[in-house]
Amino acid sequence: MPNLSKHRVLLSGVLSPLLALVLNVILIQILLVLSSDPERNWRFRLVVSTLALPIPFLITLMVARRDQRNGSLSLSAKIGLAIATLSLLLVAKPVMEFSTEWDAQSL
């Protein structure tokens, strides 16, 4: 287990994009089930699910900060943090969907 604790930022960073997508899908499905009118409240679902996307990145960032307090970040930790940072690009898709739907409804 010592090796796993040495590479926990890398592991967290690699899993960050996948966990962000899974969390997004779970939230969308839960909100769809709870919705009485899915056509009417699509904006709310989109905003809530988009706000959930950065959560795995923030967890990776917290783990990296904890490791940084104990010493400098290793190369594997920096790579994991970079991958987790790239996972923030997943926010772009819902934002583009929102603007497309907004434009379509404005017409």
PDB file of N, CA and C in Angstrom:
ATOM      1  N   MET A   1       0.783  -1.215   0.000  1.00  0.00           N
ATOM      2  CA  MET A   1       0.000   0.000   0.000  1.00  0.00           C
ATOM      3  C   MET A   1       0.827   1.284   0.000  1.00  0.00           C
ATOM      4  N   PRO A   2       2.109   1.242   0.377  1.00  0.00           N
ATOM      5  CA  PRO A   2       2.863   2.492   0.360  1.00  0.00           C
ATOM      6  C   PRO A   2       2.949   3.113  -1.036  1.00  0.00           C
ATOM      7  N   ASN A   3       3.043   2.274  -2.078  1.00  0.00           N
ATOM      8  CA  ASN A   3       3.105   2.813  -3.431  1.00  0.00           C
ATOM      9  C   ASN A   3       1.812   3.504  -3.830  1.00  0.00           C
ATOM     10  N   LEU A   4       0.687   2.962  -3.405  1.00  0.00           N
ATOM     11  CA  LEU A   4      -0.599   3.566  -3.734  1.00  0.00           C
ATOM     12  C   LEU A   4      -0.720   4.935  -3.082  1.00  0.00           C
ATOM     13  N   SER A   5      -0.282   5.076  -1.854  1.00  0.00           N
ATOM     14  CA  SER A   5      -0.370   6.377  -1.197  1.00  0.00           C
ATOM     15  C   SER A   5       0.592   7.380  -1.840  1.00  0.00           C
ATOM     16  N   LYS A   6       1.676   6.896  -2.435  1.00  0.00           N
ATOM     17  CA  LYS A   6       2.605   7.779  -3.127  1.00  0.00           C
ATOM     18  C   LYS A   6       2.003   8.332  -4.414  1.00  0.00           C
ATOM     19  N   HIS A   7       1.112   7.583  -4.995  1.00  0.00           N
ATOM     20  CA  HIS A   7       0.550   7.949  -6.299  1.00  0.00           C
ATOM     21  C   HIS A   7      -0.942   8.276  -6.221  1.00  0.00           C
ATOM     22  N   ARG A   8      -1.412   8.679  -5.069  1.00  0.00           N
ATOM     23  CA  ARG A   8      -2.847   8.931  -4.940  1.00  0.00           C
ATOM     24  C   ARG A   8      -3.298  10.143  -5.739  1.00  0.00           C
ATOM     25  N   VAL A   9      -2.462  11.150  -5.910  1.00  0.00           N
ATOM     26  CA  VAL A   9      -2.840  12.307  -6.729  1.00  0.00           C
ATOM     27  C   VAL A   9      -2.935  11.888  -8.195  1.00  0.00           C
ATOM     28  N   LEU A  10      -1.999  11.075  -8.640  1.00  0.00           N
ATOM     29  CA  LEU A  10      -2.056  10.571 -10.016  1.00  0.00           C
ATOM     30  C   LEU A  10      -3.317   9.749 -10.231  1.00  0.00           C
ATOM     31  N   LEU A  11      -3.598   8.843  -9.321  1.00  0.00           N
ATOM     32  CA  LEU A  11      -4.797   8.004  -9.439  1.00  0.00           C
ATOM     33  C   LEU A  11      -6.065   8.852  -9.428  1.00  0.00           C
ATOM     34  N   SER A  12      -6.129   9.795  -8.518  1.00  0.00           N
ATOM     35  CA  SER A  12      -7.291  10.680  -8.439  1.00  0.00           C
ATOM     36  C   SER A  12      -7.432  11.515  -9.705  1.00  0.00           C
ATOM     37  N   GLY A  13      -6.317  11.995 -10.237  1.00  0.00           N
ATOM     38  CA  GLY A  13      -6.349  12.790 -11.458  1.00  0.00           C
ATOM     39  C   GLY A  13      -6.782  11.998 -12.670  1.00  0.00           C
ATOM     40  N   VAL A  14      -6.310  10.766 -12.768  1.00  0.00           N
ATOM     41  CA  VAL A  14      -6.687   9.915 -13.905  1.00  0.00           C
ATOM     42  C   VAL A  14      -8.173   9.561 -13.832  1.00  0.00           C
ATOM     43  N   LEU A  15      -8.672   9.333 -12.640  1.00  0.00           N
ATOM     44  CA  LEU A  15     -10.082   8.982 -12.478  1.00  0.00           C
ATOM     45  C   LEU A  15     -11.009  10.194 -12.544  1.00  0.00           C
ATOM     46  N   SER A  16     -10.466  11.384 -12.428  1.00  0.00           N
ATOM     47  CA  SER A  16     -11.271  12.601 -12.376  1.00  0.00           C
ATOM     48  C   SER A  16     -12.234  12.771 -13.563  1.00  0.00           C
ATOM     49  N   PRO A  17     -11.781  12.632 -14.817  1.00  0.00           N
ATOM     50  CA  PRO A  17     -12.728  12.799 -15.927  1.00  0.00           C
ATOM     51  C   PRO A  17     -13.842  11.758 -15.918  1.00  0.00           C
ATOM     52  N   LEU A  18     -13.498  10.522 -15.618  1.00  0.00           N
ATOM     53  CA  LEU A  18     -14.506   9.465 -15.581  1.00  0.00           C
ATOM     54  C   LEU A  18     -15.518   9.713 -14.463  1.00  0.00           C
ATOM     55  N   LEU A  19     -15.029  10.056 -13.290  1.00  0.00           N
ATOM     56  CA  LEU A  19     -15.929  10.319 -12.162  1.00  0.00           C
ATOM     57  C   LEU A  19     -16.811  11.537 -12.425  1.00  0.00           C
ATOM     58  N   ALA A  20     -16.266  12.538 -13.101  1.00  0.00           N
ATOM     59  CA  ALA A  20     -17.061  13.718 -13.436  1.00  0.00           C
ATOM     60  C   ALA A  20     -18.221  13.340 -14.352  1.00  0.00           C
ATOM     61  N   LEU A  21     -17.940  12.516 -15.358  1.00  0.00           N
ATOM     62  CA  LEU A  21     -18.999  12.089 -16.278  1.00  0.00           C
ATOM     63  C   LEU A  21     -20.048  11.228 -15.581  1.00  0.00           C
ATOM     64  N   VAL A  22     -19.586  10.310 -14.731  1.00  0.00           N
ATOM     65  CA  VAL A  22     -20.525   9.442 -14.011  1.00  0.00           C
ATOM     66  C   VAL A  22     -21.408  10.277 -13.088  1.00  0.00           C
ATOM     67  N   LEU A  23     -20.815  11.209 -12.360  1.00  0.00           N
ATOM     68  CA  LEU A  23     -21.582  12.074 -11.471  1.00  0.00           C
ATOM     69  C   LEU A  23     -22.582  12.910 -12.256  1.00  0.00           C
ATOM     70  N   ASN A  24     -22.173  13.397 -13.406  1.00  0.00           N
ATOM     71  CA  ASN A  24     -23.047  14.188 -14.262  1.00  0.00           C
ATOM     72  C   ASN A  24     -24.258  13.374 -14.708  1.00  0.00           C
ATOM     73  N   VAL A  25     -24.013  12.172 -15.189  1.00  0.00           N
ATOM     74  CA  VAL A  25     -25.104  11.308 -15.671  1.00  0.00           C
ATOM     75  C   VAL A  25     -26.044  10.931 -14.534  1.00  0.00           C
ATOM     76  N   ILE A  26     -25.489  10.605 -13.385  1.00  0.00           N
ATOM     77  CA  ILE A  26     -26.320  10.240 -12.231  1.00  0.00           C
ATOM     78  C   ILE A  26     -27.217  11.405 -11.832  1.00  0.00           C
ATOM     79  N   LEU A  27     -26.653  12.596 -11.761  1.00  0.00           N
ATOM     80  CA  LEU A  27     -27.463  13.754 -11.388  1.00  0.00           C
ATOM     81  C   LEU A  27     -28.553  14.045 -12.411  1.00  0.00           C
ATOM     82  N   ILE A  28     -28.221  13.955 -13.680  1.00  0.00           N
ATOM     83  CA  ILE A  28     -29.225  14.197 -14.718  1.00  0.00           C
ATOM     84  C   ILE A  28     -30.360  13.191 -14.597  1.00  0.00           C
ATOM     85  N   GLN A  29     -30.026  11.917 -14.401  1.00  0.00           N
ATOM     86  CA  GLN A  29     -31.062  10.885 -14.291  1.00  0.00           C
ATOM     87  C   GLN A  29     -31.935  11.090 -13.054  1.00  0.00           C
ATOM     88  N   ILE A  30     -31.315  11.440 -11.937  1.00  0.00           N
ATOM     89  CA  ILE A  30     -32.091  11.695 -10.721  1.00  0.00           C
ATOM     90  C   ILE A  30     -33.028  12.878 -10.929  1.00  0.00           C
ATOM     91  N   LEU A  31     -32.520  13.932 -11.514  1.00  0.00           N
ATOM     92  CA  LEU A  31     -33.352  15.117 -11.737  1.00  0.00           C
ATOM     93  C   LEU A  31     -34.453  14.850 -12.757  1.00  0.00           C
ATOM     94  N   LEU A  32     -34.187  13.994 -13.749  1.00  0.00           N
ATOM     95  CA  LEU A  32     -35.233  13.629 -14.706  1.00  0.00           C
ATOM     96  C   LEU A  32     -36.353  12.848 -14.029  1.00  0.00           C
ATOM     97  N   VAL A  33     -35.984  11.937 -13.145  1.00  0.00           N
ATOM     98  CA  VAL A  33     -36.988  11.145 -12.434  1.00  0.00           C
ATOM     99  C   VAL A  33     -37.841  12.045 -11.535  1.00  0.00           C
ATOM    100  N   LEU A  34     -37.202  13.018 -10.907  1.00  0.00           N
ATOM    101  CA  LEU A  34     -37.922  13.900  -9.982  1.00  0.00           C
ATOM    102  C   LEU A  34     -38.701  15.005 -10.683  1.00  0.00           C
ATOM    103  N   SER A  35     -38.467  15.180 -11.973  1.00  0.00           N
ATOM    104  CA  SER A  35     -39.093  16.271 -12.705  1.00  0.00           C
ATOM    105  C   SER A  35     -40.516  15.933 -13.120  1.00  0.00           C
ATOM    106  N   SER A  36     -41.410  16.876 -12.900  1.00  0.00           N
ATOM    107  CA  SER A  36     -42.786  16.689 -13.355  1.00  0.00           C
ATOM    108  C   SER A  36     -42.938  17.111 -14.816  1.00  0.00           C
ATOM    109  N   ASP A  37     -42.086  18.035 -15.278  1.00  0.00           N
ATOM    110  CA  ASP A  37     -42.134  18.500 -16.657  1.00  0.00           C
ATOM    111  C   ASP A  37     -40.706  18.652 -17.194  1.00  0.00           C
ATOM    112  N   PRO A  38     -40.137  17.567 -17.736  1.00  0.00           N
ATOM    113  CA  PRO A  38     -38.739  17.604 -18.191  1.00  0.00           C
ATOM    114  C   PRO A  38     -38.450  18.660 -19.259  1.00  0.00           C
ATOM    115  N   GLU A  39     -39.419  18.969 -20.102  1.00  0.00           N
ATOM    116  CA  GLU A  39     -39.206  19.978 -21.138  1.00  0.00           C
ATOM    117  C   GLU A  39     -39.078  21.378 -20.552  1.00  0.00           C
ATOM    118  N   ARG A  40     -39.722  21.597 -19.448  1.00  0.00           N
ATOM    119  CA  ARG A  40     -39.772  22.933 -18.862  1.00  0.00           C
ATOM    120  C   ARG A  40     -38.533  23.259 -18.020  1.00  0.00           C
ATOM    121  N   ASN A  41     -37.997  22.283 -17.315  1.00  0.00           N
ATOM    122  CA  ASN A  41     -36.898  22.594 -16.391  1.00  0.00           C
ATOM    123  C   ASN A  41     -35.547  22.039 -16.851  1.00  0.00           C
ATOM    124  N   TRP A  42     -35.325  21.986 -18.140  1.00  0.00           N
ATOM    125  CA  TRP A  42     -34.060  21.485 -18.664  1.00  0.00           C
ATOM    126  C   TRP A  42     -32.897  22.371 -18.256  1.00  0.00           C
ATOM    127  N   ARG A  43     -33.141  23.681 -18.123  1.00  0.00           N
ATOM    128  CA  ARG A  43     -32.056  24.593 -17.726  1.00  0.00           C
ATOM    129  C   ARG A  43     -31.552  24.264 -16.329  1.00  0.00           C
ATOM    130  N   PHE A  44     -32.482  24.017 -15.421  1.00  0.00           N
ATOM    131  CA  PHE A  44     -32.095  23.690 -14.043  1.00  0.00           C
ATOM    132  C   PHE A  44     -31.253  22.416 -14.011  1.00  0.00           C
ATOM    133  N   ARG A  45     -31.690  21.379 -14.733  1.00  0.00           N
ATOM    134  CA  ARG A  45     -30.931  20.124 -14.782  1.00  0.00           C
ATOM    135  C   ARG A  45     -29.545  20.340 -15.357  1.00  0.00           C
ATOM    136  N   LEU A  46     -29.471  21.140 -16.410  1.00  0.00           N
ATOM    137  CA  LEU A  46     -28.189  21.407 -17.048  1.00  0.00           C
ATOM    138  C   LEU A  46     -27.243  22.166 -16.110  1.00  0.00           C
ATOM    139  N   VAL A  47     -27.772  23.152 -15.400  1.00  0.00           N
ATOM    140  CA  VAL A  47     -26.940  23.936 -14.481  1.00  0.00           C
ATOM    141  C   VAL A  47     -26.452  23.068 -13.325  1.00  0.00           C
ATOM    142  N   VAL A  48     -27.339  22.294 -12.719  1.00  0.00           N
ATOM    143  CA  VAL A  48     -26.951  21.463 -11.573  1.00  0.00           C
ATOM    144  C   VAL A  48     -25.941  20.406 -11.991  1.00  0.00           C
ATOM    145  N   SER A  49     -26.178  19.752 -13.101  1.00  0.00           N
ATOM    146  CA  SER A  49     -25.243  18.711 -13.542  1.00  0.00           C
ATOM    147  C   SER A  49     -23.908  19.318 -13.968  1.00  0.00           C
ATOM    148  N   THR A  50     -23.916  20.522 -14.514  1.00  0.00           N
ATOM    149  CA  THR A  50     -22.670  21.185 -14.889  1.00  0.00           C
ATOM    150  C   THR A  50     -21.876  21.605 -13.655  1.00  0.00           C
ATOM    151  N   LEU A  51     -22.572  22.046 -12.623  1.00  0.00           N
ATOM    152  CA  LEU A  51     -21.889  22.429 -11.388  1.00  0.00           C
ATOM    153  C   LEU A  51     -21.245  21.229 -10.695  1.00  0.00           C
ATOM    154  N   ALA A  52     -21.735  20.037 -10.990  1.00  0.00           N
ATOM    155  CA  ALA A  52     -21.166  18.828 -10.379  1.00  0.00           C
ATOM    156  C   ALA A  52     -19.890  18.358 -11.083  1.00  0.00           C
ATOM    157  N   LEU A  53     -19.682  18.776 -12.322  1.00  0.00           N
ATOM    158  CA  LEU A  53     -18.516  18.307 -13.078  1.00  0.00           C
ATOM    159  C   LEU A  53     -17.166  18.614 -12.423  1.00  0.00           C
ATOM    160  N   PRO A  54     -16.976  19.775 -11.812  1.00  0.00           N
ATOM    161  CA  PRO A  54     -15.656  20.060 -11.221  1.00  0.00           C
ATOM    162  C   PRO A  54     -15.384  19.361  -9.881  1.00  0.00           C
ATOM    163  N   ILE A  55     -16.343  18.679  -9.305  1.00  0.00           N
ATOM    164  CA  ILE A  55     -16.159  18.079  -7.978  1.00  0.00           C
ATOM    165  C   ILE A  55     -14.974  17.108  -7.947  1.00  0.00           C
ATOM    166  N   PRO A  56     -14.832  16.168  -8.880  1.00  0.00           N
ATOM    167  CA  PRO A  56     -13.650  15.289  -8.837  1.00  0.00           C
ATOM    168  C   PRO A  56     -12.333  16.056  -8.973  1.00  0.00           C
ATOM    169  N   PHE A  57     -12.325  17.124  -9.776  1.00  0.00           N
ATOM    170  CA  PHE A  57     -11.119  17.950  -9.863  1.00  0.00           C
ATOM    171  C   PHE A  57     -10.795  18.572  -8.511  1.00  0.00           C
ATOM    172  N   LEU A  58     -11.816  19.088  -7.835  1.00  0.00           N
ATOM    173  CA  LEU A  58     -11.588  19.716  -6.530  1.00  0.00           C
ATOM    174  C   LEU A  58     -11.074  18.708  -5.507  1.00  0.00           C
ATOM    175  N   ILE A  59     -11.550  17.484  -5.579  1.00  0.00           N
ATOM    176  CA  ILE A  59     -11.048  16.433  -4.682  1.00  0.00           C
ATOM    177  C   ILE A  59      -9.574  16.165  -4.976  1.00  0.00           C
ATOM    178  N   THR A  60      -9.226  16.066  -6.250  1.00  0.00           N
ATOM    179  CA  THR A  60      -7.828  15.857  -6.636  1.00  0.00           C
ATOM    180  C   THR A  60      -6.966  17.022  -6.166  1.00  0.00           C
ATOM    181  N   LEU A  61      -7.480  18.222  -6.291  1.00  0.00           N
ATOM    182  CA  LEU A  61      -6.749  19.395  -5.838  1.00  0.00           C
ATOM    183  C   LEU A  61      -6.510  19.355  -4.325  1.00  0.00           C
ATOM    184  N   MET A  62      -7.507  18.937  -3.570  1.00  0.00           N
ATOM    185  CA  MET A  62      -7.344  18.834  -2.117  1.00  0.00           C
ATOM    186  C   MET A  62      -6.290  17.786  -1.755  1.00  0.00           C
ATOM    187  N   VAL A  63      -6.313  16.654  -2.442  1.00  0.00           N
ATOM    188  CA  VAL A  63      -5.320  15.606  -2.188  1.00  0.00           C
ATOM    189  C   VAL A  63      -3.922  16.121  -2.529  1.00  0.00           C
ATOM    190  N   ALA A  64      -3.802  16.847  -3.627  1.00  0.00           N
ATOM    191  CA  ALA A  64      -2.506  17.396  -4.030  1.00  0.00           C
ATOM    192  C   ALA A  64      -2.015  18.439  -3.020  1.00  0.00           C
ATOM    193  N   ARG A  65      -2.915  19.255  -2.532  1.00  0.00           N
ATOM    194  CA  ARG A  65      -2.518  20.266  -1.529  1.00  0.00           C
ATOM    195  C   ARG A  65      -2.037  19.603  -0.249  1.00  0.00           C
ATOM    196  N   ARG A  66      -2.694  18.519   0.130  1.00  0.00           N
ATOM    197  CA  ARG A  66      -2.271  17.780   1.327  1.00  0.00           C
ATOM    198  C   ARG A  66      -0.870  17.196   1.119  1.00  0.00           C
ATOM    199  N   ASP A  67      -0.636  16.643  -0.063  1.00  0.00           N
ATOM    200  CA  ASP A  67       0.698  16.110  -0.365  1.00  0.00           C
ATOM    201  C   ASP A  67       1.743  17.219  -0.425  1.00  0.00           C
ATOM    202  N   GLN A  68       1.351  18.375  -0.924  1.00  0.00           N
ATOM    203  CA  GLN A  68       2.287  19.485  -1.037  1.00  0.00           C
ATOM    204  C   GLN A  68       2.707  19.987   0.345  1.00  0.00           C
ATOM    205  N   ARG A  69       1.805  19.945   1.305  1.00  0.00           N
ATOM    206  CA  ARG A  69       2.153  20.355   2.670  1.00  0.00           C
ATOM    207  C   ARG A  69       3.205  19.432   3.280  1.00  0.00           C
ATOM    208  N   ASN A  70       3.172  18.161   2.874  1.00  0.00           N
ATOM    209  CA  ASN A  70       4.137  17.192   3.386  1.00  0.00           C
ATOM    210  C   ASN A  70       5.469  17.248   2.648  1.00  0.00           C
ATOM    211  N   GLY A  71       5.559  18.034   1.638  1.00  0.00           N
ATOM    212  CA  GLY A  71       6.775  18.149   0.824  1.00  0.00           C
ATOM    213  C   GLY A  71       6.392  18.591  -0.569  1.00  0.00           C
ATOM    214  N   SER A  72       7.330  18.615  -1.466  1.00  0.00           N
ATOM    215  CA  SER A  72       7.018  19.038  -2.833  1.00  0.00           C
ATOM    216  C   SER A  72       6.256  17.934  -3.564  1.00  0.00           C
ATOM    217  N   LEU A  73       5.531  18.336  -4.590  1.00  0.00           N
ATOM    218  CA  LEU A  73       4.764  17.374  -5.373  1.00  0.00           C
ATOM    219  C   LEU A  73       5.682  16.571  -6.278  1.00  0.00           C
ATOM    220  N   SER A  74       5.454  15.282  -6.336  1.00  0.00           N
ATOM    221  CA  SER A  74       6.229  14.414  -7.223  1.00  0.00           C
ATOM    222  C   SER A  74       5.767  14.621  -8.663  1.00  0.00           C
ATOM    223  N   LEU A  75       6.511  14.080  -9.585  1.00  0.00           N
ATOM    224  CA  LEU A  75       6.155  14.179 -10.996  1.00  0.00           C
ATOM    225  C   LEU A  75       4.807  13.511 -11.255  1.00  0.00           C
ATOM    226  N   SER A  76       4.580  12.356 -10.638  1.00  0.00           N
ATOM    227  CA  SER A  76       3.305  11.662 -10.848  1.00  0.00           C
ATOM    228  C   SER A  76       2.140  12.495 -10.305  1.00  0.00           C
ATOM    229  N   ALA A  77       2.353  13.210  -9.197  1.00  0.00           N
ATOM    230  CA  ALA A  77       1.299  14.072  -8.647  1.00  0.00           C
ATOM    231  C   ALA A  77       1.014  15.230  -9.591  1.00  0.00           C
ATOM    232  N   LYS A  78       2.049  15.785 -10.187  1.00  0.00           N
ATOM    233  CA  LYS A  78       1.865  16.889 -11.135  1.00  0.00           C
ATOM    234  C   LYS A  78       1.116  16.418 -12.380  1.00  0.00           C
ATOM    235  N   ILE A  79       1.430  15.209 -12.834  1.00  0.00           N
ATOM    236  CA  ILE A  79       0.726  14.650 -13.996  1.00  0.00           C
ATOM    237  C   ILE A  79      -0.745  14.419 -13.653  1.00  0.00           C
ATOM    238  N   GLY A  80      -1.001  13.856 -12.483  1.00  0.00           N
ATOM    239  CA  GLY A  80      -2.380  13.635 -12.056  1.00  0.00           C
ATOM    240  C   GLY A  80      -3.155  14.927 -11.946  1.00  0.00           C
ATOM    241  N   LEU A  81      -2.526  15.950 -11.410  1.00  0.00           N
ATOM    242  CA  LEU A  81      -3.173  17.256 -11.287  1.00  0.00           C
ATOM    243  C   LEU A  81      -3.436  17.866 -12.665  1.00  0.00           C
ATOM    244  N   ALA A  82      -2.527  17.674 -13.603  1.00  0.00           N
ATOM    245  CA  ALA A  82      -2.721  18.183 -14.968  1.00  0.00           C
ATOM    246  C   ALA A  82      -3.888  17.469 -15.653  1.00  0.00           C
ATOM    247  N   ILE A  83      -3.980  16.157 -15.479  1.00  0.00           N
ATOM    248  CA  ILE A  83      -5.089  15.403 -16.078  1.00  0.00           C
ATOM    249  C   ILE A  83      -6.410  15.847 -15.465  1.00  0.00           C
ATOM    250  N   ALA A  84      -6.429  16.022 -14.151  1.00  0.00           N
ATOM    251  CA  ALA A  84      -7.649  16.485 -13.488  1.00  0.00           C
ATOM    252  C   ALA A  84      -8.033  17.881 -13.971  1.00  0.00           C
ATOM    253  N   THR A  85      -7.034  18.725 -14.204  1.00  0.00           N
ATOM    254  CA  THR A  85      -7.315  20.075 -14.708  1.00  0.00           C
ATOM    255  C   THR A  85      -7.921  20.006 -16.104  1.00  0.00           C
ATOM    256  N   LEU A  86      -7.419  19.108 -16.936  1.00  0.00           N
ATOM    257  CA  LEU A  86      -7.992  18.940 -18.273  1.00  0.00           C
ATOM    258  C   LEU A  86      -9.441  18.457 -18.212  1.00  0.00           C
ATOM    259  N   SER A  87      -9.785  17.737 -17.144  1.00  0.00           N
ATOM    260  CA  SER A  87     -11.163  17.259 -17.026  1.00  0.00           C
ATOM    261  C   SER A  87     -12.147  18.410 -16.854  1.00  0.00           C
ATOM    262  N   LEU A  88     -11.647  19.586 -16.486  1.00  0.00           N
ATOM    263  CA  LEU A  88     -12.528  20.749 -16.378  1.00  0.00           C
ATOM    264  C   LEU A  88     -13.073  21.172 -17.739  1.00  0.00           C
ATOM    265  N   LEU A  89     -12.430  20.719 -18.804  1.00  0.00           N
ATOM    266  CA  LEU A  89     -12.924  21.021 -20.148  1.00  0.00           C
ATOM    267  C   LEU A  89     -14.279  20.364 -20.407  1.00  0.00           C
ATOM    268  N   LEU A  90     -14.628  19.374 -19.599  1.00  0.00           N
ATOM    269  CA  LEU A  90     -15.934  18.731 -19.752  1.00  0.00           C
ATOM    270  C   LEU A  90     -17.075  19.708 -19.507  1.00  0.00           C
ATOM    271  N   VAL A  91     -16.809  20.792 -18.827  1.00  0.00           N
ATOM    272  CA  VAL A  91     -17.829  21.802 -18.556  1.00  0.00           C
ATOM    273  C   VAL A  91     -18.227  22.511 -19.850  1.00  0.00           C
ATOM    274  N   ALA A  92     -17.346  22.533 -20.824  1.00  0.00           N
ATOM    275  CA  ALA A  92     -17.620  23.248 -22.077  1.00  0.00           C
ATOM    276  C   ALA A  92     -18.816  22.666 -22.828  1.00  0.00           C
ATOM    277  N   LYS A  93     -18.983  21.369 -22.817  1.00  0.00           N
ATOM    278  CA  LYS A  93     -20.082  20.747 -23.570  1.00  0.00           C
ATOM    279  C   LYS A  93     -21.451  21.184 -23.064  1.00  0.00           C
ATOM    280  N   PRO A  94     -21.737  21.086 -21.752  1.00  0.00           N
ATOM    281  CA  PRO A  94     -23.043  21.557 -21.292  1.00  0.00           C
ATOM    282  C   PRO A  94     -23.253  23.056 -21.517  1.00  0.00           C
ATOM    283  N   VAL A  95     -22.199  23.832 -21.414  1.00  0.00           N
ATOM    284  CA  VAL A  95     -22.335  25.270 -21.647  1.00  0.00           C
ATOM    285  C   VAL A  95     -22.714  25.522 -23.101  1.00  0.00           C
ATOM    286  N   MET A  96     -22.091  24.782 -24.024  1.00  0.00           N
ATOM    287  CA  MET A  96     -22.438  24.937 -25.435  1.00  0.00           C
ATOM    288  C   MET A  96     -23.864  24.462 -25.701  1.00  0.00           C
ATOM    289  N   GLU A  97     -24.291  23.369 -25.051  1.00  0.00           N
ATOM    290  CA  GLU A  97     -25.663  22.897 -25.201  1.00  0.00           C
ATOM    291  C   GLU A  97     -26.649  23.937 -24.695  1.00  0.00           C
ATOM    292  N   PHE A  98     -26.316  24.549 -23.580  1.00  0.00           N
ATOM    293  CA  PHE A  98     -27.187  25.566 -23.007  1.00  0.00           C
ATOM    294  C   PHE A  98     -27.346  26.732 -23.965  1.00  0.00           C
ATOM    295  N   SER A  99     -26.249  27.194 -24.537  1.00  0.00           N
ATOM    296  CA  SER A  99     -26.335  28.335 -25.447  1.00  0.00           C
ATOM    297  C   SER A  99     -27.080  27.961 -26.718  1.00  0.00           C
ATOM    298  N   THR A 100     -26.903  26.730 -27.211  1.00  0.00           N
ATOM    299  CA  THR A 100     -27.618  26.282 -28.408  1.00  0.00           C
ATOM    300  C   THR A 100     -29.113  26.202 -28.149  1.00  0.00           C
ATOM    301  N   GLU A 101     -29.498  25.598 -27.024  1.00  0.00           N
ATOM    302  CA  GLU A 101     -30.922  25.501 -26.671  1.00  0.00           C
ATOM    303  C   GLU A 101     -31.514  26.869 -26.420  1.00  0.00           C
ATOM    304  N   TRP A 102     -30.753  27.722 -25.792  1.00  0.00           N
ATOM    305  CA  TRP A 102     -31.240  29.087 -25.507  1.00  0.00           C
ATOM    306  C   TRP A 102     -31.513  29.822 -26.804  1.00  0.00           C
ATOM    307  N   ASP A 103     -30.584  29.710 -27.767  1.00  0.00           N
ATOM    308  CA  ASP A 103     -30.763  30.355 -29.054  1.00  0.00           C
ATOM    309  C   ASP A 103     -31.959  29.775 -29.803  1.00  0.00           C
ATOM    310  N   ALA A 104     -32.136  28.460 -29.730  1.00  0.00           N
ATOM    311  CA  ALA A 104     -33.249  27.801 -30.421  1.00  0.00           C
ATOM    312  C   ALA A 104     -34.599  28.230 -29.840  1.00  0.00           C
ATOM    313  N   GLN A 105     -34.648  28.408 -28.529  1.00  0.00           N
ATOM    314  CA  GLN A 105     -35.907  28.811 -27.901  1.00  0.00           C
ATOM    315  C   GLN A 105     -36.183  30.301 -28.091  1.00  0.00           C
ATOM    316  N   SER A 106     -35.155  31.072 -28.357  1.00  0.00           N
ATOM    317  CA  SER A 106     -35.327  32.509 -28.552  1.00  0.00           C
ATOM    318  C   SER A 106     -35.964  32.821 -29.910  1.00  0.00           C
ATOM    319  N   LEU A 107     -35.777  31.902 -30.858  1.00  0.00           N
ATOM    320  CA  LEU A 107     -36.292  32.144 -32.206  1.00  0.00           C
ATOM    321  C   LEU A 107     -37.754  32.018 -32.289  1.00  0.00           C
TER     322      LEU A 107
END
